Amino acid sequence: MTISKLSDDEIAAMSDQDRRELIARLQPAERVLPPPQVVKIHRRIRLTLMVGGSLVLIPWIVYLGMTLPADYHARNWSLTWIGFDVLLVLMMGATAYLGWRKRVFLLLPAFATGMLLLVDAWFDIVTAEPGDVWVSVGTALIGEIPLAILQISGALMLLRFLILAHPLYDPAISPWRAPMPF
């Protein structure tokens, strides 16, 4: 068997599509991608649960809207908020640590931290006493929402970069419409 090597000039002369096809042929798919049957099963389960959960939640939200009292004394109120804030601290810490270590995995806790900050702002505002609501709104506008936007947008920028840097990425397709590789 004779092995011929491509020169730099030959590679430079190739079209983007030819390069992507070459990379796909050279990439050891068995070490990169999970088995197709596993991917298919996991995808089907996730999609079924998300569609089913969405459909079940719609009537549940209507039911809650019609039956929940306007005021309610909650048990374990302190534990609820302390637990939530501990989770927020853990996610912030994970985001900081992974950012410091320059790890790609950072995008998951960064996105989750941003979402938790938005949830925190929402619950602070809607559960505040009438005299305290403006403090909650101010805290949300000055701290929680800007930090949430920073975390979520940073995670999305990193995800976009990873899509654009992938050797099989097709520049004719928007990074936000790029298909999964399997």
Protein backbone atom coordinates (compact mmCIF):
# COMPACT_ATOMS: atom_id res chain seq x y z
CA MET A 1 0.00 0.00 0.00
CA THR A 2 1.40 3.36 -1.02
CA ILE A 3 0.69 6.34 1.20
CA SER A 4 0.68 9.68 -0.51
CA LYS A 5 0.84 12.85 1.52
CA LEU A 6 -0.94 16.04 0.67
CA SER A 7 1.30 19.05 0.35
CA ASP A 8 0.46 22.40 1.92
CA ASP A 9 -0.29 23.74 -1.57
CA GLU A 10 -2.71 20.88 -2.29
CA ILE A 11 -4.51 21.47 1.01
CA ALA A 12 -4.64 25.22 0.35
CA ALA A 13 -6.18 24.53 -3.07
CA MET A 14 -8.98 22.43 -1.58
CA SER A 15 -12.43 23.91 -1.11
CA ASP A 16 -13.88 24.23 2.40
CA GLN A 17 -16.22 21.33 1.65
CA ASP A 18 -13.31 19.16 0.44
CA ARG A 19 -11.41 19.93 3.67
CA ARG A 20 -14.43 19.04 5.83
CA GLU A 21 -14.82 15.75 3.95
CA LEU A 22 -11.11 14.98 4.42
CA ILE A 23 -11.28 15.77 8.13
CA ALA A 24 -14.39 13.58 8.51
CA ARG A 25 -12.57 10.71 6.80
CA LEU A 26 -9.48 11.12 9.00
CA GLN A 27 -11.35 11.53 12.28
CA PRO A 28 -11.60 8.29 14.28
CA ALA A 29 -15.37 8.32 14.80
CA GLU A 30 -15.38 5.36 17.18
CA ARG A 31 -13.32 7.32 19.72
CA VAL A 32 -15.24 10.57 19.33
CA LEU A 33 -18.89 9.65 19.00
CA PRO A 34 -21.00 7.46 21.24
CA PRO A 35 -22.64 4.44 19.63
CA PRO A 36 -25.53 5.56 17.36
CA GLN A 37 -28.07 3.35 19.12
CA VAL A 38 -27.21 4.95 22.49
CA VAL A 39 -27.55 8.43 21.02
CA LYS A 40 -30.90 7.53 19.45
CA ILE A 41 -32.32 6.12 22.70
CA HIS A 42 -31.11 9.06 24.82
CA ARG A 43 -32.45 11.58 22.31
CA ARG A 44 -35.84 9.86 22.17
CA ILE A 45 -36.09 9.74 25.98
CA ARG A 46 -35.09 13.40 26.40
CA LEU A 47 -37.47 14.61 23.69
CA THR A 48 -40.35 12.53 25.04
CA LEU A 49 -39.82 13.79 28.59
CA MET A 50 -39.51 17.43 27.54
CA VAL A 51 -42.55 17.40 25.24
CA GLY A 52 -44.60 15.39 27.75
CA GLY A 53 -43.50 17.58 30.64
CA SER A 54 -44.38 20.75 28.72
CA LEU A 55 -47.84 19.42 27.87
CA VAL A 56 -48.52 18.32 31.46
CA LEU A 57 -47.34 21.65 32.91
CA ILE A 58 -49.80 23.77 30.90
CA PRO A 59 -52.97 22.54 32.63
CA TRP A 60 -51.09 22.38 35.94
CA ILE A 61 -50.20 26.10 35.66
CA VAL A 62 -53.84 26.95 34.86
CA TYR A 63 -54.98 24.86 37.85
CA LEU A 64 -52.50 26.57 40.19
CA GLY A 65 -53.51 29.99 38.90
CA MET A 66 -57.15 29.27 39.77
CA THR A 67 -56.62 27.52 43.13
CA LEU A 68 -53.56 28.89 44.92
CA PRO A 69 -54.19 31.42 47.68
CA ALA A 70 -52.76 34.92 47.30
CA ASP A 71 -50.91 34.57 50.61
CA TYR A 72 -49.39 31.45 52.05
CA HIS A 73 -47.21 30.72 55.08
CA ALA A 74 -44.39 28.46 53.88
CA ARG A 75 -42.66 25.84 55.99
CA ASN A 76 -38.88 25.75 55.94
CA TRP A 77 -38.69 29.22 54.38
CA SER A 78 -35.19 29.86 55.75
CA LEU A 79 -33.95 26.44 54.68
CA THR A 80 -35.37 27.00 51.20
CA TRP A 81 -33.52 30.27 50.66
CA ILE A 82 -30.33 29.16 52.37
CA GLY A 83 -30.30 25.99 50.23
CA PHE A 84 -30.90 28.02 47.09
CA ASP A 85 -28.11 30.45 47.97
CA VAL A 86 -25.73 27.56 48.77
CA LEU A 87 -26.48 26.12 45.32
CA LEU A 88 -25.85 29.56 43.79
CA VAL A 89 -22.51 29.85 45.62
CA LEU A 90 -21.49 26.36 44.45
CA MET A 91 -22.34 27.22 40.84
CA MET A 92 -20.49 30.54 41.06
CA GLY A 93 -17.51 28.77 42.59
CA ALA A 94 -17.54 26.11 39.87
CA THR A 95 -17.76 28.85 37.22
CA ALA A 96 -14.85 30.76 38.77
CA TYR A 97 -12.70 27.65 39.19
CA LEU A 98 -13.30 26.36 35.66
CA GLY A 99 -12.76 29.86 34.25
CA TRP A 100 -9.49 30.17 36.18
CA ARG A 101 -8.40 26.76 34.88
CA LYS A 102 -9.55 27.73 31.34
CA ARG A 103 -11.77 24.66 30.99
CA VAL A 104 -14.45 24.44 28.30
CA PHE A 105 -16.77 22.74 30.80
CA LEU A 106 -17.13 26.25 32.26
CA LEU A 107 -20.03 26.96 29.93
CA LEU A 108 -22.39 24.65 31.87
CA PRO A 109 -22.06 26.18 35.36
CA ALA A 110 -21.81 29.68 33.84
CA PHE A 111 -25.15 29.25 32.05
CA ALA A 112 -26.71 27.62 35.13
CA THR A 113 -25.41 30.42 37.37
CA GLY A 114 -27.01 33.00 35.10
CA MET A 115 -30.33 31.19 35.19
CA LEU A 116 -30.19 30.83 38.99
CA LEU A 117 -29.52 34.56 39.31
CA LEU A 118 -32.61 35.31 37.19
CA VAL A 119 -34.69 32.95 39.32
CA ASP A 120 -33.32 34.59 42.48
CA ALA A 121 -34.24 38.05 41.19
CA TRP A 122 -37.74 36.90 40.23
CA PHE A 123 -38.49 35.29 43.60
CA ASP A 124 -36.95 38.18 45.56
CA ILE A 125 -39.25 40.62 43.76
CA VAL A 126 -42.49 38.64 43.80
CA THR A 127 -42.15 37.50 47.42
CA ALA A 128 -41.06 40.85 48.85
CA GLU A 129 -43.29 42.75 51.23
CA PRO A 130 -44.79 45.91 49.68
CA GLY A 131 -42.35 48.16 51.55
CA ASP A 132 -39.34 46.06 50.49
CA VAL A 133 -40.17 45.47 46.84
CA TRP A 134 -38.09 48.42 45.61
CA VAL A 135 -35.01 47.08 47.38
CA SER A 136 -35.53 43.75 45.58
CA VAL A 137 -36.07 45.52 42.23
CA GLY A 138 -32.94 47.61 42.77
CA THR A 139 -30.86 44.57 43.71
CA ALA A 140 -32.14 42.74 40.64
CA LEU A 141 -31.45 45.66 38.27
CA ILE A 142 -28.04 46.56 39.70
CA GLY A 143 -26.68 43.13 40.56
CA GLU A 144 -28.51 39.93 39.71
CA ILE A 145 -29.77 40.64 36.18
CA PRO A 146 -26.53 42.20 34.83
CA LEU A 147 -24.49 39.35 36.31
CA ALA A 148 -26.95 36.82 34.88
CA ILE A 149 -26.67 38.41 31.44
CA LEU A 150 -22.86 38.35 31.71
CA GLN A 151 -22.83 34.66 32.68
CA ILE A 152 -25.36 33.51 30.07
CA SER A 153 -23.88 35.58 27.24
CA GLY A 154 -20.37 34.38 28.13
CA ALA A 155 -21.49 30.75 28.03
CA LEU A 156 -23.21 31.31 24.68
CA MET A 157 -20.13 33.06 23.25
CA LEU A 158 -17.97 30.10 24.31
CA LEU A 159 -20.45 27.66 22.76
CA ARG A 160 -20.46 29.69 19.52
CA PHE A 161 -16.66 29.70 19.47
CA LEU A 162 -16.56 25.92 19.94
CA ILE A 163 -18.98 25.46 17.05
CA LEU A 164 -17.01 27.80 14.77
CA ALA A 165 -13.68 26.18 15.72
CA HIS A 166 -14.91 22.66 15.02
CA PRO A 167 -13.15 21.31 11.91
CA LEU A 168 -16.41 19.95 10.46
CA TYR A 169 -18.32 23.23 10.89
CA ASP A 170 -19.91 24.44 7.64
CA PRO A 171 -19.61 28.26 7.43
CA ALA A 172 -22.68 28.35 5.18
CA ILE A 173 -24.76 27.42 8.24
CA SER A 174 -25.33 29.80 11.16
CA PRO A 175 -23.55 28.53 14.29
CA TRP A 176 -26.94 28.62 16.04
CA ARG A 177 -28.37 26.25 13.42
CA ALA A 178 -25.42 23.87 13.26
CA PRO A 179 -26.56 20.26 13.59
CA MET A 180 -25.18 17.95 16.24
CA PRO A 181 -22.36 15.78 14.89
CA PHE A 182 -24.36 12.58 15.46
